[in-house]
Amino acid sequence: MQIRNRIMDKLREQGKSVNAFSLQVGISYPNIRAMTKDFRDMRVSTAIRIAKALGCTLDDLFWDEEEKEFGER
């Protein structure tokens, strides 16, 4: 299963930099960058914190590539 995310899309939409966002949510800049590039798994609590800070739901941010291929999203 390959989970993808839209964190960078949401940051761009809101005009936020990764650096400013990392300070806002209390997650280091390198960890946020890794998460936005899908190189790092994250805890559910971290995903929820990110979604809340971006004003969206987990469904808005994350999807499973396999489900997308089969039109389940």
C-alpha atoms as a PDB file:
ATOM      1  CA  MET A   1       0.000   0.000   0.000  1.00  0.00           C
ATOM      2  CA  GLN A   2       1.401   3.393  -0.988  1.00  0.00           C
ATOM      3  CA  ILE A   3      -0.123   6.265   0.979  1.00  0.00           C
ATOM      4  CA  ARG A   4       0.173   9.653  -0.674  1.00  0.00           C
ATOM      5  CA  ASN A   5      -0.500  13.058   0.819  1.00  0.00           C
ATOM      6  CA  ARG A   6      -1.445  16.568  -0.197  1.00  0.00           C
ATOM      7  CA  ILE A   7       0.362  18.454   2.568  1.00  0.00           C
ATOM      8  CA  MET A   8       2.408  20.566   0.135  1.00  0.00           C
ATOM      9  CA  ASP A   9      -0.672  21.345  -1.962  1.00  0.00           C
ATOM     10  CA  LYS A  10      -2.502  22.592   1.133  1.00  0.00           C
ATOM     11  CA  LEU A  11       0.508  24.654   2.255  1.00  0.00           C
ATOM     12  CA  ARG A  12       0.720  26.293  -1.183  1.00  0.00           C
ATOM     13  CA  GLU A  13      -3.037  26.994  -1.220  1.00  0.00           C
ATOM     14  CA  GLN A  14      -2.715  28.744   2.136  1.00  0.00           C
ATOM     15  CA  GLY A  15       0.504  30.567   1.254  1.00  0.00           C
ATOM     16  CA  LYS A  16       2.418  28.916   4.099  1.00  0.00           C
ATOM     17  CA  SER A  17       6.069  27.945   3.968  1.00  0.00           C
ATOM     18  CA  VAL A  18       7.226  24.567   5.223  1.00  0.00           C
ATOM     19  CA  ASN A  19       9.432  26.335   7.764  1.00  0.00           C
ATOM     20  CA  ALA A  20       6.600  28.445   9.197  1.00  0.00           C
ATOM     21  CA  PHE A  21       4.268  25.451   9.226  1.00  0.00           C
ATOM     22  CA  SER A  22       6.815  23.278  11.033  1.00  0.00           C
ATOM     23  CA  LEU A  23       7.017  25.909  13.776  1.00  0.00           C
ATOM     24  CA  GLN A  24       3.213  26.153  13.934  1.00  0.00           C
ATOM     25  CA  VAL A  25       2.680  22.413  14.441  1.00  0.00           C
ATOM     26  CA  GLY A  26       5.837  21.750  16.463  1.00  0.00           C
ATOM     27  CA  ILE A  27       7.374  19.257  14.029  1.00  0.00           C
ATOM     28  CA  SER A  28      10.915  19.769  12.778  1.00  0.00           C
ATOM     29  CA  TYR A  29      11.462  21.169   9.298  1.00  0.00           C
ATOM     30  CA  PRO A  30      13.303  18.028   8.093  1.00  0.00           C
ATOM     31  CA  ASN A  31      10.453  15.803   9.297  1.00  0.00           C
ATOM     32  CA  ILE A  32       7.798  17.928   7.578  1.00  0.00           C
ATOM     33  CA  ARG A  33       9.842  17.900   4.345  1.00  0.00           C
ATOM     34  CA  ALA A  34      10.206  14.113   4.545  1.00  0.00           C
ATOM     35  CA  MET A  35       6.469  13.713   5.153  1.00  0.00           C
ATOM     36  CA  THR A  36       5.592  15.908   2.182  1.00  0.00           C
ATOM     37  CA  LYS A  37       7.770  13.760  -0.041  1.00  0.00           C
ATOM     38  CA  ASP A  38       6.104  10.555   1.225  1.00  0.00           C
ATOM     39  CA  PHE A  39       9.405   9.232   2.568  1.00  0.00           C
ATOM     40  CA  ARG A  40       8.249   8.950   6.149  1.00  0.00           C
ATOM     41  CA  ASP A  41       5.320   7.294   7.868  1.00  0.00           C
ATOM     42  CA  MET A  42       3.713   9.282  10.625  1.00  0.00           C
ATOM     43  CA  ARG A  43       1.641   8.573  13.665  1.00  0.00           C
ATOM     44  CA  VAL A  44      -2.089   9.111  13.452  1.00  0.00           C
ATOM     45  CA  SER A  45      -1.813  11.801  16.136  1.00  0.00           C
ATOM     46  CA  THR A  46       0.699  13.669  13.950  1.00  0.00           C
ATOM     47  CA  ALA A  47      -1.529  13.363  10.894  1.00  0.00           C
ATOM     48  CA  ILE A  48      -4.477  14.718  12.887  1.00  0.00           C
ATOM     49  CA  ARG A  49      -2.387  17.633  14.166  1.00  0.00           C
ATOM     50  CA  ILE A  50      -1.325  18.473  10.603  1.00  0.00           C
ATOM     51  CA  ALA A  51      -4.893  18.234   9.270  1.00  0.00           C
ATOM     52  CA  LYS A  52      -6.227  20.480  12.041  1.00  0.00           C
ATOM     53  CA  ALA A  53      -3.490  23.054  11.437  1.00  0.00           C
ATOM     54  CA  LEU A  54      -4.375  23.066   7.728  1.00  0.00           C
ATOM     55  CA  GLY A  55      -8.108  23.259   8.439  1.00  0.00           C
ATOM     56  CA  CYS A  56      -8.974  20.039   6.629  1.00  0.00           C
ATOM     57  CA  THR A  57      -9.774  16.378   7.259  1.00  0.00           C
ATOM     58  CA  LEU A  58      -7.505  13.364   7.036  1.00  0.00           C
ATOM     59  CA  ASP A  59      -9.430  12.314   3.924  1.00  0.00           C
ATOM     60  CA  ASP A  60      -8.511  15.660   2.344  1.00  0.00           C
ATOM     61  CA  LEU A  61      -4.811  14.987   2.935  1.00  0.00           C
ATOM     62  CA  PHE A  62      -4.205  11.274   2.483  1.00  0.00           C
ATOM     63  CA  TRP A  63      -5.187   8.552   0.044  1.00  0.00           C
ATOM     64  CA  ASP A  64      -4.103   5.068  -0.909  1.00  0.00           C
ATOM     65  CA  GLU A  65      -2.678   4.828  -4.432  1.00  0.00           C
ATOM     66  CA  GLU A  66      -4.178   1.353  -4.894  1.00  0.00           C
ATOM     67  CA  GLU A  67      -7.678   2.602  -4.071  1.00  0.00           C
ATOM     68  CA  LYS A  68      -7.240   5.512  -6.460  1.00  0.00           C
ATOM     69  CA  GLU A  69      -6.364   3.104  -9.266  1.00  0.00           C
ATOM     70  CA  PHE A  70      -9.574   1.170  -8.689  1.00  0.00           C
ATOM     71  CA  GLY A  71     -11.746   4.281  -8.365  1.00  0.00           C
ATOM     72  CA  GLU A  72     -12.583   3.679  -4.722  1.00  0.00           C
ATOM     73  CA  ARG A  73     -11.905   7.244  -3.662  1.00  0.00           C
END
